[in-house]
Amino acid sequence: MEERIVKFISALRAAGVRISLAETADAMRAVDTLGVRDKNAFRHSLRATLVKDAAGLPVFDELFPLFFGEAGAPPLVNLSDDLTPEEGKMLAEAL
């Protein structure tokens, strides 16, 4: 998930949204605190920590669904949570 958030932040920057390293760290802490299961809280935590002014809001709103939306994006939950201990061990060995 962190990698996807970093790519999202990179896309925001490429689109002209100014995001400092401190704001990136704030966003990561917010996600660590709130988690990703509540998609609305996840979205609002990123929006609040990454967007400083109204000019960045449309860019955020356009890019967020591309990285975290329903259509085609991987789920926000950790799929390995549902593995049995044996399946988890097999996965770890395979990686």
PDB file of N, CA and C in Angstrom:
ATOM      1  N   MET A   1       0.823  -1.189   0.000  1.00  0.00           N
ATOM      2  CA  MET A   1       0.000   0.000   0.000  1.00  0.00           C
ATOM      3  C   MET A   1       0.869   1.256   0.000  1.00  0.00           C
ATOM      4  N   GLU A   2       1.968   1.212   0.765  1.00  0.00           N
ATOM      5  CA  GLU A   2       2.835   2.396   0.812  1.00  0.00           C
ATOM      6  C   GLU A   2       3.351   2.761  -0.570  1.00  0.00           C
ATOM      7  N   GLU A   3       3.704   1.740  -1.347  1.00  0.00           N
ATOM      8  CA  GLU A   3       4.223   2.001  -2.693  1.00  0.00           C
ATOM      9  C   GLU A   3       3.166   2.691  -3.553  1.00  0.00           C
ATOM     10  N   ARG A   4       1.916   2.259  -3.417  1.00  0.00           N
ATOM     11  CA  ARG A   4       0.850   2.879  -4.198  1.00  0.00           C
ATOM     12  C   ARG A   4       0.634   4.327  -3.763  1.00  0.00           C
ATOM     13  N   ILE A   5       0.715   4.595  -2.468  1.00  0.00           N
ATOM     14  CA  ILE A   5       0.564   5.965  -1.974  1.00  0.00           C
ATOM     15  C   ILE A   5       1.702   6.835  -2.499  1.00  0.00           C
ATOM     16  N   VAL A   6       2.925   6.313  -2.490  1.00  0.00           N
ATOM     17  CA  VAL A   6       4.073   7.071  -3.008  1.00  0.00           C
ATOM     18  C   VAL A   6       3.877   7.376  -4.492  1.00  0.00           C
ATOM     19  N   LYS A   7       3.397   6.407  -5.256  1.00  0.00           N
ATOM     20  CA  LYS A   7       3.140   6.643  -6.685  1.00  0.00           C
ATOM     21  C   LYS A   7       2.030   7.674  -6.875  1.00  0.00           C
ATOM     22  N   PHE A   8       1.021   7.629  -6.021  1.00  0.00           N
ATOM     23  CA  PHE A   8      -0.059   8.613  -6.068  1.00  0.00           C
ATOM     24  C   PHE A   8       0.490  10.011  -5.803  1.00  0.00           C
ATOM     25  N   ILE A   9       1.334  10.139  -4.792  1.00  0.00           N
ATOM     26  CA  ILE A   9       1.941  11.431  -4.468  1.00  0.00           C
ATOM     27  C   ILE A   9       2.806  11.911  -5.633  1.00  0.00           C
ATOM     28  N   SER A  10       3.532  11.013  -6.247  1.00  0.00           N
ATOM     29  CA  SER A  10       4.345  11.376  -7.420  1.00  0.00           C
ATOM     30  C   SER A  10       3.469  11.881  -8.556  1.00  0.00           C
ATOM     31  N   ALA A  11       2.328  11.242  -8.758  1.00  0.00           N
ATOM     32  CA  ALA A  11       1.405  11.679  -9.807  1.00  0.00           C
ATOM     33  C   ALA A  11       0.829  13.058  -9.486  1.00  0.00           C
ATOM     34  N   LEU A  12       0.506  13.289  -8.219  1.00  0.00           N
ATOM     35  CA  LEU A  12       0.015  14.614  -7.819  1.00  0.00           C
ATOM     36  C   LEU A  12       1.081  15.672  -8.093  1.00  0.00           C
ATOM     37  N   ARG A  13       2.312  15.377  -7.724  1.00  0.00           N
ATOM     38  CA  ARG A  13       3.410  16.321  -7.972  1.00  0.00           C
ATOM     39  C   ARG A  13       3.580  16.571  -9.464  1.00  0.00           C
ATOM     40  N   ALA A  14       3.523  15.515 -10.262  1.00  0.00           N
ATOM     41  CA  ALA A  14       3.676  15.660 -11.713  1.00  0.00           C
ATOM     42  C   ALA A  14       2.561  16.509 -12.310  1.00  0.00           C
ATOM     43  N   ALA A  15       1.408  16.502 -11.654  1.00  0.00           N
ATOM     44  CA  ALA A  15       0.274  17.298 -12.119  1.00  0.00           C
ATOM     45  C   ALA A  15       0.294  18.715 -11.555  1.00  0.00           C
ATOM     46  N   GLY A  16       1.344  19.058 -10.794  1.00  0.00           N
ATOM     47  CA  GLY A  16       1.499  20.423 -10.320  1.00  0.00           C
ATOM     48  C   GLY A  16       1.124  20.687  -8.879  1.00  0.00           C
ATOM     49  N   VAL A  17       0.716  19.656  -8.143  1.00  0.00           N
ATOM     50  CA  VAL A  17       0.380  19.846  -6.727  1.00  0.00           C
ATOM     51  C   VAL A  17       1.684  19.818  -5.936  1.00  0.00           C
ATOM     52  N   ARG A  18       1.926  20.882  -5.177  1.00  0.00           N
ATOM     53  CA  ARG A  18       3.153  20.964  -4.379  1.00  0.00           C
ATOM     54  C   ARG A  18       2.961  20.183  -3.083  1.00  0.00           C
ATOM     55  N   ILE A  19       3.819  19.180  -2.887  1.00  0.00           N
ATOM     56  CA  ILE A  19       3.745  18.330  -1.697  1.00  0.00           C
ATOM     57  C   ILE A  19       5.157  18.176  -1.151  1.00  0.00           C
ATOM     58  N   SER A  20       5.336  18.595   0.101  1.00  0.00           N
ATOM     59  CA  SER A  20       6.659  18.515   0.727  1.00  0.00           C
ATOM     60  C   SER A  20       6.893  17.117   1.304  1.00  0.00           C
ATOM     61  N   LEU A  21       8.129  16.868   1.684  1.00  0.00           N
ATOM     62  CA  LEU A  21       8.446  15.604   2.349  1.00  0.00           C
ATOM     63  C   LEU A  21       7.714  15.492   3.681  1.00  0.00           C
ATOM     64  N   ALA A  22       7.591  16.616   4.388  1.00  0.00           N
ATOM     65  CA  ALA A  22       6.873  16.612   5.665  1.00  0.00           C
ATOM     66  C   ALA A  22       5.405  16.247   5.459  1.00  0.00           C
ATOM     67  N   GLU A  23       4.811  16.765   4.395  1.00  0.00           N
ATOM     68  CA  GLU A  23       3.407  16.443   4.114  1.00  0.00           C
ATOM     69  C   GLU A  23       3.255  14.979   3.704  1.00  0.00           C
ATOM     70  N   THR A  24       4.245  14.467   2.998  1.00  0.00           N
ATOM     71  CA  THR A  24       4.237  13.047   2.645  1.00  0.00           C
ATOM     72  C   THR A  24       4.296  12.195   3.910  1.00  0.00           C
ATOM     73  N   ALA A  25       5.168  12.561   4.832  1.00  0.00           N
ATOM     74  CA  ALA A  25       5.274  11.838   6.102  1.00  0.00           C
ATOM     75  C   ALA A  25       3.974  11.938   6.890  1.00  0.00           C
ATOM     76  N   ASP A  26       3.351  13.128   6.896  1.00  0.00           N
ATOM     77  CA  ASP A  26       2.063  13.300   7.573  1.00  0.00           C
ATOM     78  C   ASP A  26       1.007  12.376   6.978  1.00  0.00           C
ATOM     79  N   ALA A  27       0.991  12.272   5.655  1.00  0.00           N
ATOM     80  CA  ALA A  27       0.018  11.405   4.983  1.00  0.00           C
ATOM     81  C   ALA A  27       0.233   9.948   5.383  1.00  0.00           C
ATOM     82  N   MET A  28       1.479   9.523   5.425  1.00  0.00           N
ATOM     83  CA  MET A  28       1.780   8.137   5.802  1.00  0.00           C
ATOM     84  C   MET A  28       1.376   7.860   7.249  1.00  0.00           C
ATOM     85  N   ARG A  29       1.632   8.826   8.140  1.00  0.00           N
ATOM     86  CA  ARG A  29       1.229   8.656   9.542  1.00  0.00           C
ATOM     87  C   ARG A  29      -0.286   8.591   9.662  1.00  0.00           C
ATOM     88  N   ALA A  30      -0.982   9.422   8.893  1.00  0.00           N
ATOM     89  CA  ALA A  30      -2.445   9.408   8.932  1.00  0.00           C
ATOM     90  C   ALA A  30      -2.980   8.055   8.480  1.00  0.00           C
ATOM     91  N   VAL A  31      -2.406   7.516   7.421  1.00  0.00           N
ATOM     92  CA  VAL A  31      -2.846   6.206   6.929  1.00  0.00           C
ATOM     93  C   VAL A  31      -2.510   5.119   7.945  1.00  0.00           C
ATOM     94  N   ASP A  32      -1.344   5.203   8.571  1.00  0.00           N
ATOM     95  CA  ASP A  32      -0.986   4.232   9.610  1.00  0.00           C
ATOM     96  C   ASP A  32      -1.974   4.283  10.766  1.00  0.00           C
ATOM     97  N   THR A  33      -2.409   5.486  11.117  1.00  0.00           N
ATOM     98  CA  THR A  33      -3.325   5.663  12.237  1.00  0.00           C
ATOM     99  C   THR A  33      -4.741   5.216  11.894  1.00  0.00           C
ATOM    100  N   LEU A  34      -5.249   5.655  10.737  1.00  0.00           N
ATOM    101  CA  LEU A  34      -6.639   5.387  10.369  1.00  0.00           C
ATOM    102  C   LEU A  34      -6.836   4.076   9.626  1.00  0.00           C
ATOM    103  N   GLY A  35      -5.797   3.593   8.984  1.00  0.00           N
ATOM    104  CA  GLY A  35      -5.934   2.385   8.182  1.00  0.00           C
ATOM    105  C   GLY A  35      -6.567   2.687   6.836  1.00  0.00           C
ATOM    106  N   VAL A  36      -6.899   1.623   6.110  1.00  0.00           N
ATOM    107  CA  VAL A  36      -7.451   1.784   4.768  1.00  0.00           C
ATOM    108  C   VAL A  36      -8.815   1.125   4.600  1.00  0.00           C
ATOM    109  N   ARG A  37      -9.303   0.482   5.615  1.00  0.00           N
ATOM    110  CA  ARG A  37     -10.587  -0.222   5.484  1.00  0.00           C
ATOM    111  C   ARG A  37     -11.754   0.739   5.266  1.00  0.00           C
ATOM    112  N   ASP A  38     -11.731   1.884   5.934  1.00  0.00           N
ATOM    113  CA  ASP A  38     -12.760   2.905   5.712  1.00  0.00           C
ATOM    114  C   ASP A  38     -12.258   3.806   4.591  1.00  0.00           C
ATOM    115  N   LYS A  39     -12.744   3.539   3.383  1.00  0.00           N
ATOM    116  CA  LYS A  39     -12.225   4.237   2.205  1.00  0.00           C
ATOM    117  C   LYS A  39     -12.456   5.745   2.287  1.00  0.00           C
ATOM    118  N   ASN A  40     -13.578   6.154   2.861  1.00  0.00           N
ATOM    119  CA  ASN A  40     -13.876   7.579   2.974  1.00  0.00           C
ATOM    120  C   ASN A  40     -12.876   8.264   3.910  1.00  0.00           C
ATOM    121  N   ALA A  41     -12.601   7.653   5.044  1.00  0.00           N
ATOM    122  CA  ALA A  41     -11.617   8.217   5.982  1.00  0.00           C
ATOM    123  C   ALA A  41     -10.224   8.213   5.358  1.00  0.00           C
ATOM    124  N   PHE A  42      -9.897   7.151   4.634  1.00  0.00           N
ATOM    125  CA  PHE A  42      -8.609   7.059   3.944  1.00  0.00           C
ATOM    126  C   PHE A  42      -8.463   8.210   2.953  1.00  0.00           C
ATOM    127  N   ARG A  43      -9.481   8.416   2.137  1.00  0.00           N
ATOM    128  CA  ARG A  43      -9.459   9.487   1.130  1.00  0.00           C
ATOM    129  C   ARG A  43      -9.314  10.855   1.791  1.00  0.00           C
ATOM    130  N   HIS A  44     -10.120  11.092   2.820  1.00  0.00           N
ATOM    131  CA  HIS A  44     -10.085  12.397   3.484  1.00  0.00           C
ATOM    132  C   HIS A  44      -8.759  12.635   4.205  1.00  0.00           C
ATOM    133  N   SER A  45      -8.165  11.581   4.748  1.00  0.00           N
ATOM    134  CA  SER A  45      -6.876  11.771   5.427  1.00  0.00           C
ATOM    135  C   SER A  45      -5.788  12.150   4.424  1.00  0.00           C
ATOM    136  N   LEU A  46      -5.795  11.512   3.253  1.00  0.00           N
ATOM    137  CA  LEU A  46      -4.816  11.890   2.229  1.00  0.00           C
ATOM    138  C   LEU A  46      -5.088  13.294   1.706  1.00  0.00           C
ATOM    139  N   ARG A  47      -6.337  13.596   1.482  1.00  0.00           N
ATOM    140  CA  ARG A  47      -6.698  14.922   0.946  1.00  0.00           C
ATOM    141  C   ARG A  47      -6.288  16.024   1.923  1.00  0.00           C
ATOM    142  N   ALA A  48      -6.538  15.801   3.206  1.00  0.00           N
ATOM    143  CA  ALA A  48      -6.224  16.816   4.215  1.00  0.00           C
ATOM    144  C   ALA A  48      -4.721  17.012   4.399  1.00  0.00           C
ATOM    145  N   THR A  49      -3.956  15.950   4.250  1.00  0.00           N
ATOM    146  CA  THR A  49      -2.517  16.063   4.485  1.00  0.00           C
ATOM    147  C   THR A  49      -1.731  16.460   3.243  1.00  0.00           C
ATOM    148  N   LEU A  50      -2.277  16.214   2.057  1.00  0.00           N
ATOM    149  CA  LEU A  50      -1.509  16.445   0.832  1.00  0.00           C
ATOM    150  C   LEU A  50      -1.892  17.699   0.056  1.00  0.00           C
ATOM    151  N   VAL A  51      -3.127  18.155   0.187  1.00  0.00           N
ATOM    152  CA  VAL A  51      -3.585  19.287  -0.632  1.00  0.00           C
ATOM    153  C   VAL A  51      -3.636  20.539   0.232  1.00  0.00           C
ATOM    154  N   LYS A  52      -2.843  21.550  -0.174  1.00  0.00           N
ATOM    155  CA  LYS A  52      -2.747  22.782   0.617  1.00  0.00           C
ATOM    156  C   LYS A  52      -3.756  23.849   0.215  1.00  0.00           C
ATOM    157  N   ASP A  53      -4.137  23.867  -1.047  1.00  0.00           N
ATOM    158  CA  ASP A  53      -5.028  24.935  -1.498  1.00  0.00           C
ATOM    159  C   ASP A  53      -6.074  24.381  -2.463  1.00  0.00           C
ATOM    160  N   ALA A  54      -7.067  25.202  -2.734  1.00  0.00           N
ATOM    161  CA  ALA A  54      -8.199  24.774  -3.558  1.00  0.00           C
ATOM    162  C   ALA A  54      -7.781  24.363  -4.967  1.00  0.00           C
ATOM    163  N   ALA A  55      -6.697  24.904  -5.477  1.00  0.00           N
ATOM    164  CA  ALA A  55      -6.256  24.566  -6.835  1.00  0.00           C
ATOM    165  C   ALA A  55      -5.865  23.092  -6.951  1.00  0.00           C
ATOM    166  N   GLY A  56      -5.430  22.497  -5.866  1.00  0.00           N
ATOM    167  CA  GLY A  56      -5.030  21.092  -5.901  1.00  0.00           C
ATOM    168  C   GLY A  56      -6.168  20.105  -5.739  1.00  0.00           C
ATOM    169  N   LEU A  57      -7.327  20.589  -5.293  1.00  0.00           N
ATOM    170  CA  LEU A  57      -8.447  19.681  -5.040  1.00  0.00           C
ATOM    171  C   LEU A  57      -8.938  18.952  -6.293  1.00  0.00           C
ATOM    172  N   PRO A  58      -9.149  19.652  -7.422  1.00  0.00           N
ATOM    173  CA  PRO A  58      -9.609  18.922  -8.613  1.00  0.00           C
ATOM    174  C   PRO A  58      -8.604  17.868  -9.090  1.00  0.00           C
ATOM    175  N   VAL A  59      -7.328  18.173  -8.951  1.00  0.00           N
ATOM    176  CA  VAL A  59      -6.292  17.210  -9.351  1.00  0.00           C
ATOM    177  C   VAL A  59      -6.370  15.977  -8.455  1.00  0.00           C
ATOM    178  N   PHE A  60      -6.458  16.199  -7.151  1.00  0.00           N
ATOM    179  CA  PHE A  60      -6.586  15.089  -6.204  1.00  0.00           C
ATOM    180  C   PHE A  60      -7.820  14.259  -6.538  1.00  0.00           C
ATOM    181  N   ASP A  61      -8.950  14.944  -6.737  1.00  0.00           N
ATOM    182  CA  ASP A  61     -10.209  14.245  -6.999  1.00  0.00           C
ATOM    183  C   ASP A  61     -10.181  13.460  -8.310  1.00  0.00           C
ATOM    184  N   GLU A  62      -9.405  13.917  -9.267  1.00  0.00           N
ATOM    185  CA  GLU A  62      -9.285  13.202 -10.539  1.00  0.00           C
ATOM    186  C   GLU A  62      -8.363  11.988 -10.422  1.00  0.00           C
ATOM    187  N   LEU A  63      -7.268  12.140  -9.676  1.00  0.00           N
ATOM    188  CA  LEU A  63      -6.278  11.067  -9.600  1.00  0.00           C
ATOM    189  C   LEU A  63      -6.600   9.996  -8.561  1.00  0.00           C
ATOM    190  N   PHE A  64      -7.261  10.365  -7.474  1.00  0.00           N
ATOM    191  CA  PHE A  64      -7.520   9.397  -6.402  1.00  0.00           C
ATOM    192  C   PHE A  64      -8.199   8.124  -6.907  1.00  0.00           C
ATOM    193  N   PRO A  65      -9.276   8.231  -7.689  1.00  0.00           N
ATOM    194  CA  PRO A  65      -9.923   6.991  -8.145  1.00  0.00           C
ATOM    195  C   PRO A  65      -9.041   6.135  -9.058  1.00  0.00           C
ATOM    196  N   LEU A  66      -8.098   6.755  -9.740  1.00  0.00           N
ATOM    197  CA  LEU A  66      -7.210   5.988 -10.610  1.00  0.00           C
ATOM    198  C   LEU A  66      -6.268   5.092  -9.809  1.00  0.00           C
ATOM    199  N   PHE A  67      -5.932   5.529  -8.599  1.00  0.00           N
ATOM    200  CA  PHE A  67      -5.019   4.759  -7.758  1.00  0.00           C
ATOM    201  C   PHE A  67      -5.744   3.900  -6.727  1.00  0.00           C
ATOM    202  N   PHE A  68      -6.902   4.367  -6.259  1.00  0.00           N
ATOM    203  CA  PHE A  68      -7.565   3.687  -5.147  1.00  0.00           C
ATOM    204  C   PHE A  68      -9.041   3.398  -5.404  1.00  0.00           C
ATOM    205  N   GLY A  69      -9.530   3.674  -6.604  1.00  0.00           N
ATOM    206  CA  GLY A  69     -10.945   3.507  -6.902  1.00  0.00           C
ATOM    207  C   GLY A  69     -11.339   2.066  -7.120  1.00  0.00           C
ATOM    208  N   GLU A  70     -12.631   1.874  -7.287  1.00  0.00           N
ATOM    209  CA  GLU A  70     -13.191   0.545  -7.476  1.00  0.00           C
ATOM    210  C   GLU A  70     -12.763  -0.059  -8.806  1.00  0.00           C
ATOM    211  N   ALA A  71     -12.715   0.750  -9.848  1.00  0.00           N
ATOM    212  CA  ALA A  71     -12.502   0.229 -11.200  1.00  0.00           C
ATOM    213  C   ALA A  71     -11.043  -0.112 -11.455  1.00  0.00           C
ATOM    214  N   GLY A  72     -10.723  -1.363 -11.348  1.00  0.00           N
ATOM    215  CA  GLY A  72      -9.406  -1.817 -11.745  1.00  0.00           C
ATOM    216  C   GLY A  72      -8.305  -1.698 -10.712  1.00  0.00           C
ATOM    217  N   ALA A  73      -8.517  -0.959  -9.658  1.00  0.00           N
ATOM    218  CA  ALA A  73      -7.470  -0.818  -8.644  1.00  0.00           C
ATOM    219  C   ALA A  73      -7.484  -2.025  -7.721  1.00  0.00           C
ATOM    220  N   PRO A  74      -6.336  -2.448  -7.252  1.00  0.00           N
ATOM    221  CA  PRO A  74      -6.303  -3.554  -6.296  1.00  0.00           C
ATOM    222  C   PRO A  74      -7.037  -3.170  -5.017  1.00  0.00           C
ATOM    223  N   PRO A  75      -7.544  -4.130  -4.289  1.00  0.00           N
ATOM    224  CA  PRO A  75      -8.281  -3.815  -3.062  1.00  0.00           C
ATOM    225  C   PRO A  75      -7.388  -3.138  -2.035  1.00  0.00           C
ATOM    226  N   LEU A  76      -8.022  -2.384  -1.139  1.00  0.00           N
ATOM    227  CA  LEU A  76      -7.285  -1.659  -0.113  1.00  0.00           C
ATOM    228  C   LEU A  76      -6.981  -2.520   1.105  1.00  0.00           C
ATOM    229  N   VAL A  77      -7.530  -3.713   1.160  1.00  0.00           N
ATOM    230  CA  VAL A  77      -7.291  -4.578   2.309  1.00  0.00           C
ATOM    231  C   VAL A  77      -6.115  -5.500   2.025  1.00  0.00           C
ATOM    232  N   ASN A  78      -5.539  -6.011   3.066  1.00  0.00           N
ATOM    233  CA  ASN A  78      -4.434  -6.950   2.940  1.00  0.00           C
ATOM    234  C   ASN A  78      -5.021  -8.342   2.738  1.00  0.00           C
ATOM    235  N   LEU A  79      -4.898  -8.878   1.539  1.00  0.00           N
ATOM    236  CA  LEU A  79      -5.495 -10.168   1.224  1.00  0.00           C
ATOM    237  C   LEU A  79      -4.875 -11.307   2.016  1.00  0.00           C
ATOM    238  N   SER A  80      -3.667 -11.128   2.493  1.00  0.00           N
ATOM    239  CA  SER A  80      -3.027 -12.195   3.263  1.00  0.00           C
ATOM    240  C   SER A  80      -3.642 -12.349   4.655  1.00  0.00           C
ATOM    241  N   ASP A  81      -4.489 -11.405   5.073  1.00  0.00           N
ATOM    242  CA  ASP A  81      -5.154 -11.517   6.372  1.00  0.00           C
ATOM    243  C   ASP A  81      -6.032 -12.760   6.448  1.00  0.00           C
ATOM    244  N   ASP A  82      -6.551 -13.220   5.314  1.00  0.00           N
ATOM    245  CA  ASP A  82      -7.474 -14.351   5.290  1.00  0.00           C
ATOM    246  C   ASP A  82      -6.776 -15.696   5.111  1.00  0.00           C
ATOM    247  N   LEU A  83      -5.463 -15.700   5.046  1.00  0.00           N
ATOM    248  CA  LEU A  83      -4.726 -16.946   4.866  1.00  0.00           C
ATOM    249  C   LEU A  83      -4.629 -17.718   6.175  1.00  0.00           C
ATOM    250  N   THR A  84      -4.649 -19.039   6.060  1.00  0.00           N
ATOM    251  CA  THR A  84      -4.377 -19.868   7.231  1.00  0.00           C
ATOM    252  C   THR A  84      -2.883 -19.761   7.534  1.00  0.00           C
ATOM    253  N   PRO A  85      -2.462 -20.135   8.736  1.00  0.00           N
ATOM    254  CA  PRO A  85      -1.027 -20.094   9.035  1.00  0.00           C
ATOM    255  C   PRO A  85      -0.201 -20.910   8.032  1.00  0.00           C
ATOM    256  N   GLU A  86      -0.739 -22.064   7.619  1.00  0.00           N
ATOM    257  CA  GLU A  86      -0.020 -22.899   6.645  1.00  0.00           C
ATOM    258  C   GLU A  86       0.103 -22.179   5.301  1.00  0.00           C
ATOM    259  N   GLU A  87      -0.975 -21.535   4.857  1.00  0.00           N
ATOM    260  CA  GLU A  87      -0.932 -20.792   3.594  1.00  0.00           C
ATOM    261  C   GLU A  87       0.039 -19.617   3.690  1.00  0.00           C
ATOM    262  N   GLY A  88       0.040 -18.944   4.846  1.00  0.00           N
ATOM    263  CA  GLY A  88       0.971 -17.839   5.055  1.00  0.00           C
ATOM    264  C   GLY A  88       2.415 -18.298   4.978  1.00  0.00           C
ATOM    265  N   LYS A  89       2.687 -19.469   5.557  1.00  0.00           N
ATOM    266  CA  LYS A  89       4.044 -20.019   5.511  1.00  0.00           C
ATOM    267  C   LYS A  89       4.430 -20.355   4.073  1.00  0.00           C
ATOM    268  N   MET A  90       3.504 -20.955   3.329  1.00  0.00           N
ATOM    269  CA  MET A  90       3.777 -21.300   1.930  1.00  0.00           C
ATOM    270  C   MET A  90       4.044 -20.043   1.106  1.00  0.00           C
ATOM    271  N   LEU A  91       3.265 -18.996   1.362  1.00  0.00           N
ATOM    272  CA  LEU A  91       3.457 -17.738   0.646  1.00  0.00           C
ATOM    273  C   LEU A  91       4.820 -17.139   0.965  1.00  0.00           C
ATOM    274  N   ALA A  92       5.171 -17.125   2.248  1.00  0.00           N
ATOM    275  CA  ALA A  92       6.468 -16.573   2.658  1.00  0.00           C
ATOM    276  C   ALA A  92       7.620 -17.346   2.018  1.00  0.00           C
ATOM    277  N   GLU A  93       7.484 -18.654   1.942  1.00  0.00           N
ATOM    278  CA  GLU A  93       8.535 -19.466   1.322  1.00  0.00           C
ATOM    279  C   GLU A  93       8.624 -19.201  -0.176  1.00  0.00           C
ATOM    280  N   ALA A  94       7.481 -18.965  -0.802  1.00  0.00           N
ATOM    281  CA  ALA A  94       7.458 -18.716  -2.241  1.00  0.00           C
ATOM    282  C   ALA A  94       8.075 -17.368  -2.584  1.00  0.00           C
ATOM    283  N   LEU A  95       7.961 -16.423  -1.657  1.00  0.00           N
ATOM    284  CA  LEU A  95       8.512 -15.090  -1.907  1.00  0.00           C
ATOM    285  C   LEU A  95       9.973 -15.073  -1.561  1.00  0.00           C
TER     286      LEU A  95
END
